[in-house]
Amino acid sequence: MNKRILKQRLIAQGFESTYITRNGVHPVCDNCQAIVIQGLATHETGCSNRKRECEGCSNLIPIHFRVCDDCYGEWIFESGRDK
């Protein structure tokens, strides 16, 4: 994968200070000590930059939400639950 594309994906996942070197792309989070476990960049538990996929459309959203704003109305109607 292209290093620039990987950097953009990591930034979208909350690793804002990610940088590129000759050896690869290094994910860095401003709010926690980000680490890479078996090739997967990971935030610390409780980091405010953690993201997850929306249950409705797979967009990246903050970890404390289940669905994004676009899917919320449809999701609440179908499941009868709250965000």
N, C-alpha and C. Protein backbone atom coordinates (compact mmCIF):
# COMPACT_ATOMS: atom_id res chain seq x y z
N MET A 1 0.84 -1.18 0.00
CA MET A 1 0.00 0.00 0.00
C MET A 1 0.89 1.25 0.00
N ASN A 2 0.45 2.26 -0.69
CA ASN A 2 1.16 3.52 -0.75
C ASN A 2 1.25 4.14 0.65
N LYS A 3 2.43 4.64 1.01
CA LYS A 3 2.63 5.22 2.35
C LYS A 3 1.73 6.42 2.59
N ARG A 4 1.50 7.23 1.58
CA ARG A 4 0.64 8.42 1.76
C ARG A 4 -0.80 8.03 2.04
N ILE A 5 -1.27 7.01 1.36
CA ILE A 5 -2.64 6.53 1.58
C ILE A 5 -2.76 5.95 2.98
N LEU A 6 -1.77 5.18 3.41
CA LEU A 6 -1.78 4.62 4.75
C LEU A 6 -1.77 5.73 5.80
N LYS A 7 -0.98 6.76 5.57
CA LYS A 7 -0.94 7.88 6.51
C LYS A 7 -2.31 8.54 6.61
N GLN A 8 -2.99 8.75 5.49
CA GLN A 8 -4.32 9.36 5.50
C GLN A 8 -5.32 8.50 6.28
N ARG A 9 -5.24 7.19 6.10
CA ARG A 9 -6.14 6.28 6.83
C ARG A 9 -5.88 6.33 8.33
N LEU A 10 -4.61 6.38 8.71
CA LEU A 10 -4.28 6.45 10.13
C LEU A 10 -4.75 7.77 10.75
N ILE A 11 -4.60 8.86 10.02
CA ILE A 11 -5.08 10.15 10.51
C ILE A 11 -6.59 10.11 10.70
N ALA A 12 -7.32 9.48 9.79
CA ALA A 12 -8.78 9.35 9.91
C ALA A 12 -9.15 8.51 11.13
N GLN A 13 -8.28 7.61 11.57
CA GLN A 13 -8.55 6.77 12.74
C GLN A 13 -8.11 7.43 14.05
N GLY A 14 -7.68 8.69 13.98
CA GLY A 14 -7.34 9.43 15.19
C GLY A 14 -5.86 9.54 15.49
N PHE A 15 -4.99 9.11 14.60
CA PHE A 15 -3.55 9.21 14.79
C PHE A 15 -3.06 10.46 14.06
N GLU A 16 -3.34 11.64 14.64
CA GLU A 16 -3.13 12.92 13.94
C GLU A 16 -1.68 13.24 13.61
N SER A 17 -0.75 12.80 14.44
CA SER A 17 0.65 13.16 14.25
C SER A 17 1.45 12.07 13.53
N THR A 18 0.78 11.24 12.76
CA THR A 18 1.43 10.17 12.02
C THR A 18 2.45 10.76 11.04
N TYR A 19 3.59 10.09 10.90
CA TYR A 19 4.60 10.58 9.97
C TYR A 19 5.19 9.43 9.15
N ILE A 20 5.78 9.79 8.01
CA ILE A 20 6.36 8.84 7.08
C ILE A 20 7.88 8.90 7.17
N THR A 21 8.52 7.72 7.20
CA THR A 21 9.97 7.64 7.14
C THR A 21 10.34 6.70 5.99
N ARG A 22 11.64 6.50 5.80
CA ARG A 22 12.08 5.56 4.75
C ARG A 22 11.60 4.15 5.05
N ASN A 23 11.50 3.81 6.34
CA ASN A 23 11.16 2.45 6.74
C ASN A 23 9.66 2.18 6.84
N GLY A 24 8.85 3.21 6.78
CA GLY A 24 7.41 2.99 6.87
C GLY A 24 6.66 4.19 7.40
N VAL A 25 5.47 3.92 7.88
CA VAL A 25 4.59 4.94 8.44
C VAL A 25 4.45 4.69 9.93
N HIS A 26 4.64 5.73 10.74
CA HIS A 26 4.60 5.59 12.19
C HIS A 26 3.39 6.32 12.76
N PRO A 27 2.41 5.58 13.29
CA PRO A 27 1.23 6.21 13.87
C PRO A 27 1.55 6.86 15.21
N VAL A 28 1.13 8.09 15.38
CA VAL A 28 1.35 8.82 16.63
C VAL A 28 0.04 9.52 16.99
N CYS A 29 -0.39 9.34 18.24
CA CYS A 29 -1.59 10.00 18.74
C CYS A 29 -1.17 11.10 19.71
N ASP A 30 -1.86 12.23 19.67
CA ASP A 30 -1.56 13.34 20.56
C ASP A 30 -2.06 13.12 21.99
N ASN A 31 -3.01 12.19 22.16
CA ASN A 31 -3.63 12.00 23.47
C ASN A 31 -3.24 10.73 24.20
N CYS A 32 -2.49 9.83 23.58
CA CYS A 32 -2.11 8.59 24.25
C CYS A 32 -0.81 8.06 23.65
N GLN A 33 -0.31 6.97 24.21
CA GLN A 33 0.87 6.30 23.70
C GLN A 33 0.39 5.22 22.72
N ALA A 34 0.21 5.59 21.48
CA ALA A 34 -0.25 4.64 20.46
C ALA A 34 0.82 3.59 20.22
N ILE A 35 0.38 2.35 20.01
CA ILE A 35 1.32 1.27 19.72
C ILE A 35 0.81 0.48 18.51
N VAL A 36 1.69 -0.31 17.95
CA VAL A 36 1.32 -1.18 16.83
C VAL A 36 1.46 -2.62 17.32
N ILE A 37 0.37 -3.37 17.25
CA ILE A 37 0.35 -4.76 17.67
C ILE A 37 0.06 -5.62 16.44
N GLN A 38 1.01 -6.44 16.05
CA GLN A 38 0.90 -7.30 14.88
C GLN A 38 0.42 -6.53 13.65
N GLY A 39 0.97 -5.34 13.45
CA GLY A 39 0.68 -4.54 12.28
C GLY A 39 -0.58 -3.68 12.38
N LEU A 40 -1.25 -3.70 13.54
CA LEU A 40 -2.48 -2.93 13.72
C LEU A 40 -2.22 -1.79 14.69
N ALA A 41 -2.39 -0.55 14.23
CA ALA A 41 -2.20 0.62 15.08
C ALA A 41 -3.33 0.66 16.10
N THR A 42 -2.96 0.92 17.36
CA THR A 42 -3.93 0.84 18.45
C THR A 42 -3.76 2.01 19.41
N HIS A 43 -4.91 2.59 19.82
CA HIS A 43 -4.93 3.62 20.87
C HIS A 43 -5.00 2.93 22.22
N GLU A 44 -4.63 3.66 23.29
CA GLU A 44 -4.84 3.16 24.63
C GLU A 44 -6.33 3.19 24.95
N THR A 45 -6.76 2.30 25.84
CA THR A 45 -8.15 2.32 26.30
C THR A 45 -8.42 3.67 26.96
N GLY A 46 -9.53 4.28 26.60
CA GLY A 46 -9.89 5.56 27.18
C GLY A 46 -9.42 6.77 26.39
N CYS A 47 -8.65 6.57 25.34
CA CYS A 47 -8.17 7.68 24.52
C CYS A 47 -9.35 8.34 23.81
N SER A 48 -9.40 9.65 23.86
CA SER A 48 -10.52 10.38 23.23
C SER A 48 -10.44 10.36 21.70
N ASN A 49 -9.32 9.93 21.14
CA ASN A 49 -9.19 9.86 19.67
C ASN A 49 -9.56 8.50 19.11
N ARG A 50 -9.92 7.53 19.95
CA ARG A 50 -10.30 6.20 19.46
C ARG A 50 -11.52 6.30 18.57
N LYS A 51 -11.54 5.52 17.52
CA LYS A 51 -12.65 5.50 16.57
C LYS A 51 -13.16 4.08 16.44
N ARG A 52 -14.39 3.95 15.95
CA ARG A 52 -14.98 2.66 15.63
C ARG A 52 -15.84 2.84 14.39
N GLU A 53 -16.27 1.74 13.81
CA GLU A 53 -17.12 1.82 12.63
C GLU A 53 -18.57 1.95 13.06
N CYS A 54 -19.30 2.79 12.36
CA CYS A 54 -20.74 2.95 12.57
C CYS A 54 -21.42 1.62 12.29
N GLU A 55 -22.38 1.23 13.12
CA GLU A 55 -23.09 -0.02 12.91
C GLU A 55 -24.01 0.02 11.71
N GLY A 56 -24.32 1.24 11.23
CA GLY A 56 -25.22 1.37 10.09
C GLY A 56 -24.53 1.46 8.74
N CYS A 57 -23.36 2.15 8.69
CA CYS A 57 -22.76 2.40 7.38
C CYS A 57 -21.24 2.21 7.34
N SER A 58 -20.62 1.87 8.43
CA SER A 58 -19.17 1.63 8.53
C SER A 58 -18.31 2.88 8.45
N ASN A 59 -18.89 4.09 8.58
CA ASN A 59 -18.08 5.31 8.69
C ASN A 59 -17.38 5.30 10.04
N LEU A 60 -16.23 5.97 10.14
CA LEU A 60 -15.52 6.06 11.41
C LEU A 60 -16.16 7.13 12.28
N ILE A 61 -16.46 6.75 13.53
CA ILE A 61 -17.11 7.65 14.49
C ILE A 61 -16.40 7.52 15.82
N PRO A 62 -16.60 8.48 16.77
CA PRO A 62 -15.99 8.34 18.10
C PRO A 62 -16.43 7.04 18.77
N ILE A 63 -15.56 6.49 19.58
CA ILE A 63 -15.77 5.18 20.18
C ILE A 63 -17.03 5.11 21.05
N HIS A 64 -17.45 6.21 21.65
CA HIS A 64 -18.59 6.17 22.57
C HIS A 64 -19.95 6.25 21.86
N PHE A 65 -19.97 6.29 20.54
CA PHE A 65 -21.22 6.25 19.78
C PHE A 65 -21.36 4.89 19.10
N ARG A 66 -22.59 4.48 18.84
CA ARG A 66 -22.82 3.22 18.12
C ARG A 66 -23.06 3.48 16.63
N VAL A 67 -23.71 4.62 16.32
CA VAL A 67 -24.01 4.95 14.93
C VAL A 67 -23.69 6.43 14.68
N CYS A 68 -23.49 6.79 13.40
CA CYS A 68 -23.21 8.18 13.04
C CYS A 68 -24.52 8.97 12.98
N ASP A 69 -24.40 10.27 12.84
CA ASP A 69 -25.58 11.13 12.78
C ASP A 69 -26.48 10.79 11.59
N ASP A 70 -25.87 10.41 10.47
CA ASP A 70 -26.65 10.08 9.28
C ASP A 70 -27.52 8.85 9.49
N CYS A 71 -27.05 7.88 10.24
CA CYS A 71 -27.77 6.61 10.45
C CYS A 71 -28.64 6.63 11.71
N TYR A 72 -28.49 7.64 12.56
CA TYR A 72 -29.14 7.63 13.86
C TYR A 72 -30.66 7.49 13.78
N GLY A 73 -31.30 8.29 12.93
CA GLY A 73 -32.76 8.25 12.84
C GLY A 73 -33.27 6.89 12.42
N GLU A 74 -32.66 6.29 11.41
CA GLU A 74 -33.07 4.98 10.94
C GLU A 74 -32.77 3.91 11.98
N TRP A 75 -31.63 4.00 12.63
CA TRP A 75 -31.23 3.01 13.62
C TRP A 75 -32.16 3.02 14.83
N ILE A 76 -32.51 4.22 15.32
CA ILE A 76 -33.38 4.33 16.50
C ILE A 76 -34.76 3.78 16.18
N PHE A 77 -35.22 4.00 14.95
CA PHE A 77 -36.54 3.50 14.53
C PHE A 77 -36.54 1.97 14.47
N GLU A 78 -35.48 1.38 13.88
CA GLU A 78 -35.43 -0.07 13.71
C GLU A 78 -35.17 -0.81 15.03
N SER A 79 -34.33 -0.28 15.88
CA SER A 79 -33.92 -1.01 17.07
C SER A 79 -34.67 -0.60 18.33
N GLY A 80 -35.22 0.62 18.32
CA GLY A 80 -35.88 1.11 19.52
C GLY A 80 -34.92 1.46 20.64
N ARG A 81 -33.62 1.65 20.29
CA ARG A 81 -32.60 1.96 21.28
C ARG A 81 -32.17 3.42 21.17
N ASP A 82 -31.38 3.83 22.13
CA ASP A 82 -30.81 5.17 22.12
C ASP A 82 -29.36 5.09 21.68
N LYS A 83 -28.82 6.24 21.25
CA LYS A 83 -27.44 6.33 20.77
C LYS A 83 -26.50 5.97 21.89
